[in-house]
N, C-alpha and C. Protein backbone atom coordinates (compact mmCIF):
# COMPACT_ATOMS: atom_id res chain seq x y z
N MET A 1 -1.58 -44.84 -6.62
CA MET A 1 -0.38 -45.58 -6.85
C MET A 1 0.24 -44.70 -7.90
N ALA A 2 1.51 -44.55 -7.47
CA ALA A 2 2.33 -43.90 -8.78
C ALA A 2 2.61 -44.46 -9.92
N VAL A 3 2.58 -44.00 -10.99
CA VAL A 3 2.92 -44.66 -12.14
C VAL A 3 4.45 -44.29 -12.46
N THR A 4 4.60 -43.09 -12.21
CA THR A 4 6.19 -42.57 -12.66
C THR A 4 6.83 -42.16 -11.25
N GLY A 5 8.23 -41.70 -11.40
CA GLY A 5 9.08 -41.25 -10.50
C GLY A 5 8.42 -40.18 -9.79
N PRO A 6 8.94 -39.84 -8.30
CA PRO A 6 8.50 -38.73 -7.84
C PRO A 6 8.79 -37.29 -8.16
N GLU A 7 9.70 -37.33 -9.02
CA GLU A 7 9.75 -35.80 -9.81
C GLU A 7 8.94 -35.44 -10.56
N ILE A 8 8.25 -36.47 -11.42
CA ILE A 8 7.55 -36.40 -12.32
C ILE A 8 5.94 -36.13 -11.85
N GLU A 9 5.71 -36.95 -10.87
CA GLU A 9 4.44 -37.03 -9.99
C GLU A 9 4.37 -35.23 -9.31
N ARG A 10 5.38 -35.00 -8.76
CA ARG A 10 5.58 -33.64 -8.10
C ARG A 10 5.27 -32.54 -9.24
N LEU A 11 5.64 -32.76 -10.50
CA LEU A 11 5.29 -31.84 -11.69
C LEU A 11 3.93 -31.97 -11.80
N ILE A 12 3.45 -33.02 -11.89
CA ILE A 12 1.96 -33.21 -12.22
C ILE A 12 1.14 -32.51 -11.14
N ALA A 13 1.39 -32.88 -9.85
CA ALA A 13 0.69 -32.29 -8.82
C ALA A 13 0.61 -30.54 -8.50
N LEU A 14 1.70 -30.30 -8.95
CA LEU A 14 1.86 -28.72 -9.10
C LEU A 14 1.16 -28.08 -10.23
N LEU A 15 1.42 -28.80 -11.33
CA LEU A 15 0.34 -28.00 -12.54
C LEU A 15 -0.86 -28.35 -12.33
N ALA A 16 -1.27 -29.45 -11.68
CA ALA A 16 -2.86 -29.56 -11.25
C ALA A 16 -3.36 -28.53 -10.18
N LYS A 17 -2.34 -27.69 -9.84
CA LYS A 17 -2.90 -26.59 -8.85
C LYS A 17 -3.42 -25.34 -9.65
N LEU A 18 -2.86 -25.13 -10.92
CA LEU A 18 -3.28 -24.18 -11.72
C LEU A 18 -4.74 -23.99 -12.11
N PRO A 19 -5.26 -22.85 -12.37
CA PRO A 19 -6.55 -22.84 -12.57
C PRO A 19 -6.94 -23.23 -13.93
N GLY A 20 -8.00 -24.26 -14.10
CA GLY A 20 -8.20 -24.78 -15.49
C GLY A 20 -7.30 -26.07 -15.71
N LEU A 21 -6.57 -26.44 -14.65
CA LEU A 21 -6.12 -27.61 -15.07
C LEU A 21 -6.35 -28.56 -13.54
N GLY A 22 -6.85 -29.78 -14.13
CA GLY A 22 -7.18 -30.64 -12.89
C GLY A 22 -5.98 -31.80 -13.15
N PRO A 23 -6.10 -32.85 -12.33
CA PRO A 23 -5.17 -34.02 -12.23
C PRO A 23 -4.86 -34.59 -13.98
N ARG A 24 -5.87 -34.86 -14.69
CA ARG A 24 -5.85 -35.49 -15.59
C ARG A 24 -4.94 -34.44 -16.96
N SER A 25 -5.70 -33.43 -17.13
CA SER A 25 -5.11 -32.35 -17.84
C SER A 25 -3.46 -32.26 -17.37
N ALA A 26 -3.18 -31.96 -16.17
CA ALA A 26 -1.86 -31.94 -15.73
C ALA A 26 -0.99 -33.00 -16.29
N ARG A 27 -1.60 -34.31 -16.17
CA ARG A 27 -1.04 -35.35 -16.60
C ARG A 27 -0.61 -35.46 -18.25
N ARG A 28 -1.70 -34.86 -18.88
CA ARG A 28 -1.50 -34.79 -20.36
C ARG A 28 -0.38 -33.63 -20.68
N ALA A 29 -0.25 -32.58 -19.83
CA ALA A 29 0.45 -31.40 -20.23
C ALA A 29 1.95 -31.96 -19.84
N VAL A 30 1.87 -32.73 -18.62
CA VAL A 30 3.43 -33.44 -18.47
C VAL A 30 3.98 -34.09 -19.28
N LEU A 31 2.91 -34.93 -19.77
CA LEU A 31 3.57 -36.27 -20.90
C LEU A 31 4.06 -35.35 -22.03
N GLN A 32 3.28 -34.39 -22.52
CA GLN A 32 3.75 -33.44 -23.77
C GLN A 32 4.87 -32.89 -23.34
N LEU A 33 5.21 -32.25 -22.27
CA LEU A 33 6.43 -31.60 -21.93
C LEU A 33 7.61 -32.59 -21.93
N ILE A 34 7.49 -33.67 -21.58
CA ILE A 34 8.40 -34.88 -21.67
C ILE A 34 8.74 -35.08 -22.79
N LYS A 35 7.60 -35.44 -23.93
CA LYS A 35 7.92 -35.88 -25.22
C LYS A 35 8.55 -34.72 -25.95
N LYS A 36 8.56 -33.46 -25.67
CA LYS A 36 8.94 -32.35 -26.04
C LYS A 36 10.13 -31.82 -25.32
N LYS A 37 10.83 -32.46 -24.47
CA LYS A 37 11.80 -32.03 -23.85
C LYS A 37 12.79 -30.81 -24.18
N GLU A 38 13.40 -30.99 -25.37
CA GLU A 38 14.31 -29.74 -25.79
C GLU A 38 13.59 -28.66 -26.10
N THR A 39 12.72 -28.75 -26.80
CA THR A 39 11.78 -27.41 -27.26
C THR A 39 10.83 -27.10 -26.39
N LEU A 40 10.33 -28.00 -25.29
CA LEU A 40 9.21 -27.50 -24.52
C LEU A 40 9.63 -27.31 -22.90
N LEU A 41 10.19 -28.32 -22.38
CA LEU A 41 10.48 -28.45 -20.98
C LEU A 41 11.42 -27.88 -20.50
N ILE A 42 12.40 -27.85 -21.26
CA ILE A 42 13.86 -27.05 -20.83
C ILE A 42 13.59 -25.50 -20.90
N PRO A 43 13.24 -25.06 -22.20
CA PRO A 43 12.80 -23.70 -22.03
C PRO A 43 11.75 -23.10 -21.14
N LEU A 44 10.77 -23.85 -21.09
CA LEU A 44 9.71 -23.78 -19.92
C LEU A 44 10.24 -23.43 -18.49
N ALA A 45 11.15 -24.40 -18.08
CA ALA A 45 11.93 -24.42 -16.71
C ALA A 45 12.86 -23.28 -16.56
N GLN A 46 13.35 -22.73 -17.96
CA GLN A 46 14.10 -21.74 -17.73
C GLN A 46 13.43 -20.39 -17.54
N ALA A 47 12.23 -20.24 -18.26
CA ALA A 47 11.29 -19.09 -18.38
C ALA A 47 10.73 -18.92 -17.34
N MET A 48 10.44 -20.39 -16.42
CA MET A 48 9.79 -19.85 -14.91
C MET A 48 10.99 -19.62 -14.10
N ALA A 49 12.12 -20.11 -14.12
CA ALA A 49 13.10 -19.70 -13.27
C ALA A 49 13.35 -18.08 -13.48
N ASP A 50 13.46 -17.71 -14.58
CA ASP A 50 13.69 -16.07 -14.85
C ASP A 50 12.56 -15.44 -14.34
N ALA A 51 11.34 -15.75 -14.47
CA ALA A 51 10.00 -15.07 -14.05
C ALA A 51 9.92 -15.05 -12.58
N ALA A 52 10.38 -16.24 -12.05
CA ALA A 52 10.40 -16.14 -10.48
C ALA A 52 11.52 -15.52 -10.09
N ASP A 53 12.55 -14.94 -10.63
CA ASP A 53 13.61 -14.21 -10.15
C ASP A 53 13.31 -12.91 -10.46
N LYS A 54 12.72 -12.48 -11.48
CA LYS A 54 12.57 -11.12 -11.87
C LYS A 54 11.32 -10.51 -11.64
N ALA A 55 10.33 -11.33 -11.46
CA ALA A 55 8.90 -10.58 -11.35
C ALA A 55 8.81 -10.14 -10.18
N ARG A 56 7.98 -8.97 -10.12
CA ARG A 56 7.80 -8.15 -8.92
C ARG A 56 6.51 -7.27 -9.00
N VAL A 57 6.03 -6.99 -7.76
CA VAL A 57 4.67 -5.87 -7.95
C VAL A 57 5.01 -4.52 -8.00
N CYS A 58 4.47 -3.80 -9.10
CA CYS A 58 4.50 -2.46 -9.10
C CYS A 58 4.27 -1.69 -7.74
N SER A 59 4.84 -1.00 -7.16
CA SER A 59 4.59 -0.29 -5.90
C SER A 59 3.72 0.94 -6.41
N THR A 60 3.54 1.34 -7.48
CA THR A 60 2.55 2.43 -7.69
C THR A 60 1.24 1.96 -7.96
N CYS A 61 1.03 0.97 -8.90
CA CYS A 61 -0.33 0.59 -9.24
C CYS A 61 -0.89 -0.85 -8.74
N GLY A 62 0.24 -1.81 -8.67
CA GLY A 62 -0.08 -3.12 -8.02
C GLY A 62 0.20 -4.17 -9.32
N ASN A 63 0.59 -3.64 -10.54
CA ASN A 63 0.62 -4.73 -11.54
C ASN A 63 1.78 -5.59 -11.47
N VAL A 64 1.70 -6.44 -12.19
CA VAL A 64 3.13 -7.41 -11.93
C VAL A 64 3.83 -7.41 -13.35
N ASP A 65 5.12 -7.10 -13.06
CA ASP A 65 6.20 -6.93 -14.17
C ASP A 65 7.55 -7.32 -13.74
N THR A 66 8.44 -6.89 -14.46
CA THR A 66 10.01 -7.42 -14.14
C THR A 66 10.84 -6.08 -13.83
N GLN A 67 9.79 -5.08 -13.69
CA GLN A 67 10.55 -3.55 -13.48
C GLN A 67 9.69 -2.82 -12.46
N ASP A 68 9.95 -1.83 -11.80
CA ASP A 68 9.21 -1.22 -10.68
C ASP A 68 9.59 0.24 -10.68
N PRO A 69 8.87 1.18 -11.06
CA PRO A 69 7.38 1.02 -11.63
C PRO A 69 7.34 0.10 -12.98
N CYS A 70 6.17 -0.42 -13.18
CA CYS A 70 5.99 -1.26 -14.18
C CYS A 70 5.87 -0.30 -15.51
N ALA A 71 5.90 -1.16 -16.56
CA ALA A 71 6.07 -0.56 -17.95
C ALA A 71 4.60 0.57 -18.27
N ILE A 72 3.58 0.15 -17.78
CA ILE A 72 2.47 0.99 -17.85
C ILE A 72 2.69 2.48 -17.15
N CYS A 73 3.15 2.09 -15.74
CA CYS A 73 3.30 3.43 -14.82
C CYS A 73 4.60 4.51 -15.50
N ALA A 74 5.46 3.83 -15.98
CA ALA A 74 6.55 4.30 -16.51
C ALA A 74 6.34 4.78 -17.95
N ASP A 75 5.23 4.50 -18.60
CA ASP A 75 4.85 5.25 -19.91
C ASP A 75 4.54 6.49 -20.14
N GLY A 76 5.40 7.64 -20.56
CA GLY A 76 4.77 8.80 -20.49
C GLY A 76 3.78 9.14 -21.32
N ARG A 77 3.69 8.24 -22.37
CA ARG A 77 2.28 8.52 -23.29
C ARG A 77 1.11 8.37 -22.89
N ARG A 78 1.05 7.54 -21.60
CA ARG A 78 -0.23 7.25 -20.90
C ARG A 78 -1.02 8.60 -20.28
N ASP A 79 -2.14 8.77 -20.32
CA ASP A 79 -3.00 9.74 -19.80
C ASP A 79 -3.05 9.68 -18.35
N PRO A 80 -2.17 10.50 -17.63
CA PRO A 80 -2.06 10.51 -16.19
C PRO A 80 -3.50 10.99 -15.39
N ASN A 81 -4.48 11.48 -16.35
CA ASN A 81 -5.37 12.13 -15.80
C ASN A 81 -6.42 11.11 -15.61
N VAL A 82 -6.71 10.07 -16.20
CA VAL A 82 -7.49 9.09 -16.14
C VAL A 82 -7.04 7.60 -15.57
N LEU A 83 -7.62 7.10 -14.36
CA LEU A 83 -7.33 5.93 -13.56
C LEU A 83 -8.29 5.01 -13.67
N CYS A 84 -7.80 3.90 -13.96
CA CYS A 84 -8.78 2.78 -14.22
C CYS A 84 -8.61 1.83 -12.96
N ILE A 85 -9.51 1.56 -12.28
CA ILE A 85 -9.45 1.10 -10.85
C ILE A 85 -9.88 -0.85 -11.30
N VAL A 86 -9.11 -1.77 -11.12
CA VAL A 86 -9.48 -2.90 -11.52
C VAL A 86 -9.32 -4.08 -10.10
N GLU A 87 -9.94 -5.19 -10.18
CA GLU A 87 -9.94 -5.91 -8.86
C GLU A 87 -8.44 -6.63 -8.68
N GLU A 88 -8.31 -7.10 -10.05
CA GLU A 88 -7.04 -8.02 -10.07
C GLU A 88 -6.08 -7.67 -11.35
N VAL A 89 -5.09 -8.33 -11.35
CA VAL A 89 -3.84 -8.02 -12.38
C VAL A 89 -4.51 -8.57 -13.67
N GLY A 90 -5.23 -9.86 -13.59
CA GLY A 90 -5.60 -10.19 -14.51
C GLY A 90 -6.78 -9.43 -15.33
N ASP A 91 -7.43 -8.39 -14.56
CA ASP A 91 -8.34 -7.69 -15.15
C ASP A 91 -7.62 -6.54 -15.92
N LEU A 92 -6.58 -6.13 -15.23
CA LEU A 92 -5.60 -5.19 -16.09
C LEU A 92 -5.20 -5.65 -17.43
N TRP A 93 -4.76 -6.67 -17.38
CA TRP A 93 -4.21 -7.51 -18.54
C TRP A 93 -5.02 -7.77 -19.46
N ALA A 94 -6.57 -7.90 -19.12
CA ALA A 94 -7.73 -8.11 -20.07
C ALA A 94 -7.98 -6.84 -20.72
N LEU A 95 -7.86 -5.91 -20.08
CA LEU A 95 -8.13 -4.39 -20.62
C LEU A 95 -7.09 -3.92 -21.65
N GLU A 96 -5.65 -4.31 -21.13
CA GLU A 96 -4.73 -4.15 -22.09
C GLU A 96 -4.70 -4.56 -23.50
N ARG A 97 -5.04 -6.09 -23.30
CA ARG A 97 -5.26 -6.94 -24.39
C ARG A 97 -6.31 -6.26 -25.36
N ALA A 98 -7.11 -6.04 -24.96
CA ALA A 98 -8.19 -5.02 -25.84
C ALA A 98 -8.03 -3.78 -26.24
N GLY A 99 -6.85 -3.31 -25.73
CA GLY A 99 -6.65 -1.86 -26.17
C GLY A 99 -7.60 -0.96 -25.76
N ALA A 100 -8.39 -1.06 -24.68
CA ALA A 100 -9.52 -0.36 -24.41
C ALA A 100 -9.15 0.90 -23.19
N HIS A 101 -7.99 0.98 -22.70
CA HIS A 101 -7.86 2.02 -21.86
C HIS A 101 -6.40 2.61 -22.02
N LYS A 102 -6.15 3.65 -22.40
CA LYS A 102 -4.93 4.58 -22.74
C LYS A 102 -4.44 5.37 -21.36
N GLY A 103 -4.95 5.35 -20.43
CA GLY A 103 -4.76 5.94 -19.13
C GLY A 103 -3.72 5.18 -18.15
N ARG A 104 -4.06 5.13 -16.84
CA ARG A 104 -3.14 4.38 -15.94
C ARG A 104 -4.24 3.48 -15.21
N TYR A 105 -3.31 2.63 -14.24
CA TYR A 105 -4.44 1.51 -13.55
C TYR A 105 -4.12 1.62 -12.06
N HIS A 106 -4.94 1.13 -11.33
CA HIS A 106 -4.72 0.82 -9.82
C HIS A 106 -5.30 -0.64 -9.53
N VAL A 107 -4.47 -1.56 -9.25
CA VAL A 107 -5.12 -2.91 -8.81
C VAL A 107 -5.58 -2.87 -7.44
N LEU A 108 -6.70 -3.32 -7.03
CA LEU A 108 -6.99 -3.45 -5.81
C LEU A 108 -6.59 -4.75 -4.89
N GLY A 109 -6.32 -5.66 -5.86
CA GLY A 109 -6.16 -7.22 -5.28
C GLY A 109 -7.26 -7.92 -4.48
N GLY A 110 -8.18 -7.64 -5.10
CA GLY A 110 -9.69 -8.39 -4.58
C GLY A 110 -10.60 -7.30 -4.54
N VAL A 111 -11.75 -7.97 -3.79
CA VAL A 111 -12.92 -7.16 -3.56
C VAL A 111 -13.32 -6.94 -2.10
N LEU A 112 -14.15 -6.42 -1.50
CA LEU A 112 -14.66 -6.37 -0.12
C LEU A 112 -15.59 -7.54 -0.24
N SER A 113 -15.76 -8.50 0.76
CA SER A 113 -16.36 -9.42 0.73
C SER A 113 -16.55 -9.67 2.23
N ALA A 114 -18.02 -9.44 2.89
CA ALA A 114 -17.83 -9.84 4.29
C ALA A 114 -17.92 -11.23 4.55
N LEU A 115 -18.34 -12.09 3.57
CA LEU A 115 -18.41 -13.47 3.93
C LEU A 115 -17.38 -14.09 3.89
N ASP A 116 -16.31 -13.65 3.16
CA ASP A 116 -14.92 -14.29 2.98
C ASP A 116 -13.88 -13.37 4.00
N GLY A 117 -14.29 -12.47 4.86
CA GLY A 117 -13.67 -11.40 5.81
C GLY A 117 -12.61 -10.84 5.16
N VAL A 118 -12.94 -10.03 4.07
CA VAL A 118 -12.11 -9.18 3.24
C VAL A 118 -12.95 -7.80 3.54
N GLY A 119 -12.03 -6.85 4.06
CA GLY A 119 -12.54 -5.80 4.64
C GLY A 119 -11.47 -4.50 3.81
N PRO A 120 -11.50 -3.43 4.09
CA PRO A 120 -11.06 -2.21 3.35
C PRO A 120 -9.46 -2.25 3.72
N ASP A 121 -9.03 -2.73 4.52
CA ASP A 121 -7.73 -2.84 5.02
C ASP A 121 -6.77 -4.00 4.52
N ASP A 122 -7.55 -5.05 3.99
CA ASP A 122 -7.22 -5.96 3.02
C ASP A 122 -6.79 -5.77 1.52
N LEU A 123 -7.30 -4.77 1.07
CA LEU A 123 -7.04 -4.35 -0.13
C LEU A 123 -6.35 -3.05 -0.36
N ASN A 124 -5.97 -2.98 -1.50
CA ASN A 124 -5.00 -1.68 -1.77
C ASN A 124 -5.84 -0.60 -2.22
N ILE A 125 -6.64 0.06 -0.95
CA ILE A 125 -7.57 1.03 -1.11
C ILE A 125 -6.91 2.48 -0.32
N GLY A 126 -5.88 1.99 0.47
CA GLY A 126 -5.47 3.28 1.21
C GLY A 126 -4.50 3.88 0.21
N LYS A 127 -3.67 3.08 -0.35
CA LYS A 127 -2.83 3.79 -1.46
C LYS A 127 -3.50 4.33 -2.46
N LEU A 128 -4.73 3.76 -3.12
CA LEU A 128 -5.56 4.27 -4.25
C LEU A 128 -5.91 5.80 -3.45
N VAL A 129 -6.54 5.92 -2.34
CA VAL A 129 -6.92 7.42 -1.93
C VAL A 129 -5.67 8.20 -2.13
N GLU A 130 -4.55 7.65 -1.64
CA GLU A 130 -3.30 8.43 -1.53
C GLU A 130 -3.05 8.90 -2.88
N ARG A 131 -3.08 8.00 -3.98
CA ARG A 131 -2.58 8.46 -5.08
C ARG A 131 -3.49 9.49 -5.85
N LEU A 132 -4.88 9.45 -5.34
CA LEU A 132 -5.81 10.36 -5.79
C LEU A 132 -6.01 11.57 -5.21
N SER A 133 -5.32 11.90 -3.91
CA SER A 133 -5.26 13.05 -3.11
C SER A 133 -4.23 13.85 -3.79
N GLY A 134 -3.19 13.38 -4.51
CA GLY A 134 -2.31 13.98 -5.30
C GLY A 134 -2.84 14.88 -6.59
N GLY A 135 -3.97 14.91 -6.70
CA GLY A 135 -4.59 16.25 -7.44
C GLY A 135 -4.37 15.74 -9.21
N GLU A 136 -3.65 14.77 -9.45
CA GLU A 136 -3.29 14.76 -11.10
C GLU A 136 -4.61 14.02 -11.69
N VAL A 137 -5.08 13.14 -10.95
CA VAL A 137 -6.21 12.58 -11.64
C VAL A 137 -7.37 13.10 -11.58
N LYS A 138 -8.14 13.19 -12.71
CA LYS A 138 -9.34 13.89 -12.88
C LYS A 138 -10.48 13.14 -13.06
N GLU A 139 -10.29 11.58 -13.49
CA GLU A 139 -11.43 10.86 -13.67
C GLU A 139 -10.92 9.48 -13.01
N VAL A 140 -11.89 8.75 -12.49
CA VAL A 140 -11.65 7.44 -12.20
C VAL A 140 -12.66 6.58 -12.58
N VAL A 141 -12.13 5.48 -13.41
CA VAL A 141 -13.04 4.34 -14.14
C VAL A 141 -13.16 3.27 -13.28
N LEU A 142 -14.20 2.83 -12.63
CA LEU A 142 -14.29 1.63 -11.75
C LEU A 142 -14.85 0.42 -12.61
N ALA A 143 -13.75 -0.40 -13.11
CA ALA A 143 -13.83 -1.60 -13.69
C ALA A 143 -13.88 -2.70 -13.09
N MET A 144 -15.02 -2.77 -12.05
CA MET A 144 -15.16 -3.80 -11.22
C MET A 144 -16.20 -4.83 -11.86
N ASN A 145 -16.12 -6.20 -11.55
CA ASN A 145 -16.77 -6.99 -12.24
C ASN A 145 -18.38 -6.91 -11.52
N ALA A 146 -19.21 -7.42 -12.34
CA ALA A 146 -20.78 -7.02 -12.14
C ALA A 146 -21.18 -8.15 -10.98
N THR A 147 -20.58 -8.31 -10.09
CA THR A 147 -21.06 -9.21 -8.67
C THR A 147 -21.53 -8.19 -7.71
N VAL A 148 -22.11 -9.04 -6.63
CA VAL A 148 -22.26 -8.16 -5.50
C VAL A 148 -21.22 -7.60 -4.75
N ASP A 149 -20.25 -8.47 -4.77
CA ASP A 149 -18.84 -7.91 -4.03
C ASP A 149 -18.04 -6.93 -5.00
N GLY A 150 -18.33 -6.93 -6.15
CA GLY A 150 -17.71 -5.96 -7.05
C GLY A 150 -18.30 -4.65 -6.97
N GLN A 151 -19.68 -4.70 -6.86
CA GLN A 151 -20.48 -3.60 -7.06
C GLN A 151 -20.51 -2.90 -5.45
N THR A 152 -20.34 -3.61 -4.46
CA THR A 152 -20.24 -3.15 -3.18
C THR A 152 -18.80 -2.26 -2.87
N THR A 153 -17.67 -2.94 -3.72
CA THR A 153 -16.52 -2.28 -3.49
C THR A 153 -16.38 -0.94 -4.32
N ALA A 154 -17.20 -1.13 -5.49
CA ALA A 154 -17.24 0.12 -6.14
C ALA A 154 -18.00 1.19 -5.44
N HIS A 155 -19.07 0.90 -4.75
CA HIS A 155 -19.62 1.82 -3.76
C HIS A 155 -18.90 2.44 -2.74
N TYR A 156 -18.12 1.74 -2.23
CA TYR A 156 -17.35 1.91 -1.08
C TYR A 156 -16.03 2.84 -1.75
N ILE A 157 -15.43 2.68 -2.69
CA ILE A 157 -14.62 3.59 -3.16
C ILE A 157 -15.29 4.80 -3.55
N THR A 158 -16.32 4.90 -4.29
CA THR A 158 -16.82 6.18 -4.52
C THR A 158 -17.23 6.98 -3.38
N ASP A 159 -17.48 6.58 -2.19
CA ASP A 159 -17.81 7.20 -0.97
C ASP A 159 -16.50 7.75 -0.30
N ARG A 160 -15.50 6.88 -0.62
CA ARG A 160 -14.19 7.22 -0.05
C ARG A 160 -13.56 8.49 -0.67
N ILE A 161 -13.97 8.47 -2.01
CA ILE A 161 -13.33 9.47 -2.73
C ILE A 161 -14.13 10.77 -3.21
N SER A 162 -15.69 10.69 -2.54
CA SER A 162 -16.46 11.75 -2.99
C SER A 162 -15.87 13.09 -2.62
N GLY A 163 -15.17 13.52 -1.77
CA GLY A 163 -14.86 14.91 -1.43
C GLY A 163 -13.53 15.32 -2.22
N LEU A 164 -13.17 14.63 -3.25
CA LEU A 164 -11.94 14.77 -3.90
C LEU A 164 -12.03 15.54 -5.22
N GLY A 165 -13.43 15.90 -5.71
CA GLY A 165 -13.67 16.41 -6.99
C GLY A 165 -13.36 15.59 -7.93
N ILE A 166 -13.42 14.44 -8.05
CA ILE A 166 -12.84 13.36 -9.14
C ILE A 166 -13.92 12.90 -10.15
N ALA A 167 -14.24 12.89 -10.90
CA ALA A 167 -15.39 12.26 -11.82
C ALA A 167 -15.02 10.76 -11.67
N VAL A 168 -16.25 10.14 -11.60
CA VAL A 168 -16.33 8.58 -11.32
C VAL A 168 -17.08 8.27 -12.46
N SER A 169 -16.61 7.30 -13.20
CA SER A 169 -17.50 6.58 -13.93
C SER A 169 -17.29 5.00 -13.88
N ARG A 170 -18.17 4.19 -14.64
CA ARG A 170 -18.03 2.72 -14.58
C ARG A 170 -18.19 2.34 -16.06
N LEU A 171 -17.55 1.03 -16.16
CA LEU A 171 -17.96 0.13 -17.18
C LEU A 171 -19.51 -0.14 -17.41
N ALA A 172 -19.99 -0.07 -18.66
CA ALA A 172 -21.13 -0.28 -19.03
C ALA A 172 -21.63 -1.62 -18.74
N HIS A 173 -22.76 -1.97 -18.70
CA HIS A 173 -23.37 -3.21 -18.35
C HIS A 173 -24.48 -3.53 -19.34
N GLY A 174 -24.52 -4.89 -20.02
CA GLY A 174 -25.52 -5.00 -20.90
C GLY A 174 -24.99 -6.12 -21.79
N VAL A 175 -25.66 -6.07 -22.95
CA VAL A 175 -25.52 -7.04 -24.00
C VAL A 175 -24.07 -6.98 -24.53
N PRO A 176 -23.26 -8.27 -24.63
CA PRO A 176 -22.03 -8.27 -25.21
C PRO A 176 -22.04 -8.18 -26.59
N VAL A 177 -20.93 -7.74 -27.19
CA VAL A 177 -20.93 -7.86 -28.66
C VAL A 177 -20.94 -9.00 -29.30
N GLY A 178 -22.18 -9.23 -30.14
CA GLY A 178 -22.41 -10.78 -30.63
C GLY A 178 -23.52 -11.64 -29.67
N GLY A 179 -23.98 -10.95 -28.68
CA GLY A 179 -24.55 -11.84 -27.90
C GLY A 179 -26.19 -11.73 -28.59
N GLU A 180 -26.63 -12.81 -28.14
CA GLU A 180 -28.29 -13.07 -28.65
C GLU A 180 -29.34 -12.94 -27.48
N LEU A 181 -30.28 -11.96 -27.55
CA LEU A 181 -31.04 -11.57 -26.38
C LEU A 181 -31.63 -13.08 -25.52
N ASP A 182 -31.91 -13.83 -26.51
CA ASP A 182 -32.65 -15.08 -25.82
C ASP A 182 -31.51 -16.10 -25.00
N TYR A 183 -30.53 -15.81 -25.04
CA TYR A 183 -29.48 -16.59 -24.09
C TYR A 183 -28.95 -15.69 -23.01
N LEU A 184 -29.18 -14.34 -22.80
CA LEU A 184 -28.79 -13.42 -21.77
C LEU A 184 -29.52 -13.74 -20.50
N ASP A 185 -29.05 -13.59 -19.60
CA ASP A 185 -29.78 -13.60 -18.20
C ASP A 185 -30.68 -12.39 -17.86
N ASP A 186 -31.38 -12.58 -16.89
CA ASP A 186 -32.40 -11.45 -16.82
C ASP A 186 -31.44 -10.40 -16.21
N GLY A 187 -30.51 -10.34 -15.36
CA GLY A 187 -29.92 -9.08 -14.77
C GLY A 187 -29.17 -8.35 -16.14
N THR A 188 -28.43 -9.23 -16.95
CA THR A 188 -27.95 -8.56 -18.21
C THR A 188 -28.67 -7.85 -19.13
N LEU A 189 -29.99 -8.30 -19.23
CA LEU A 189 -30.99 -7.73 -19.87
C LEU A 189 -31.52 -6.57 -19.39
N ALA A 190 -31.86 -6.59 -18.07
CA ALA A 190 -32.19 -5.32 -17.24
C ALA A 190 -31.13 -4.29 -17.21
N ALA A 191 -29.91 -4.57 -17.26
CA ALA A 191 -28.94 -3.57 -16.96
C ALA A 191 -28.49 -3.00 -18.61
N ALA A 192 -28.99 -3.80 -19.66
CA ALA A 192 -29.08 -3.19 -20.91
C ALA A 192 -29.89 -2.23 -21.30
N MET A 193 -31.04 -2.50 -20.79
CA MET A 193 -32.14 -1.78 -21.12
C MET A 193 -31.95 -0.22 -20.29
N LYS A 194 -31.73 -0.44 -19.02
CA LYS A 194 -31.44 0.83 -18.10
C LYS A 194 -30.27 1.67 -18.60
N SER A 195 -29.41 1.12 -19.35
CA SER A 195 -28.16 1.89 -19.76
C SER A 195 -28.34 2.09 -21.33
N ARG A 196 -29.46 2.10 -21.77
CA ARG A 196 -29.68 2.26 -23.44
C ARG A 196 -29.37 3.77 -23.68
N ARG A 197 -28.96 4.11 -25.19
CA ARG A 197 -28.52 5.15 -25.56
C ARG A 197 -28.83 5.52 -26.99
N PRO A 198 -28.93 6.60 -27.34
CA PRO A 198 -29.51 6.98 -28.72
C PRO A 198 -28.76 6.17 -29.96
N PHE A 199 -29.54 5.84 -30.92
CA PHE A 199 -28.71 4.95 -31.83
C PHE A 199 -28.42 5.92 -32.96
């Protein structure tokens, strides 16, 4: 039974579809937006309209920006010899937030998954091989998630580019900064022990 008008109920239903928000959280968010209509709701609606109008996918790397090529691809200060391959745009944004990579990126748009019916043609792998065949890239960093599908995708990409003479590296796996050994899972501990280095 609806407590409010259809416009508000529609807003709640749409917000509830966002990751991390369920129906109750969406109701609280909408109530807050309405309480602060002038400072939150109206500016948010305008920002969303602007983003919907101007957001586009970079034709080079697959990042989301308001320009094509995106700001990262257009930045001449970036190292064109190192290409970091990520699963999704969120992964790219996380690496940028950390300031961890000074090269360029390539977004696959997911991972290979036999269970979900995702094959190589469903991902941005063909464009990746095309980019790497140009000869400018000297190293590829596989920044895949430490999941079975992520590692399967990393192995597939490594096989596809094996004849191009490009160095391939991957993100280190192991103990996170601030992590306590007692709380880590067995796979993380095993990866940390295997990837140990001199102190």
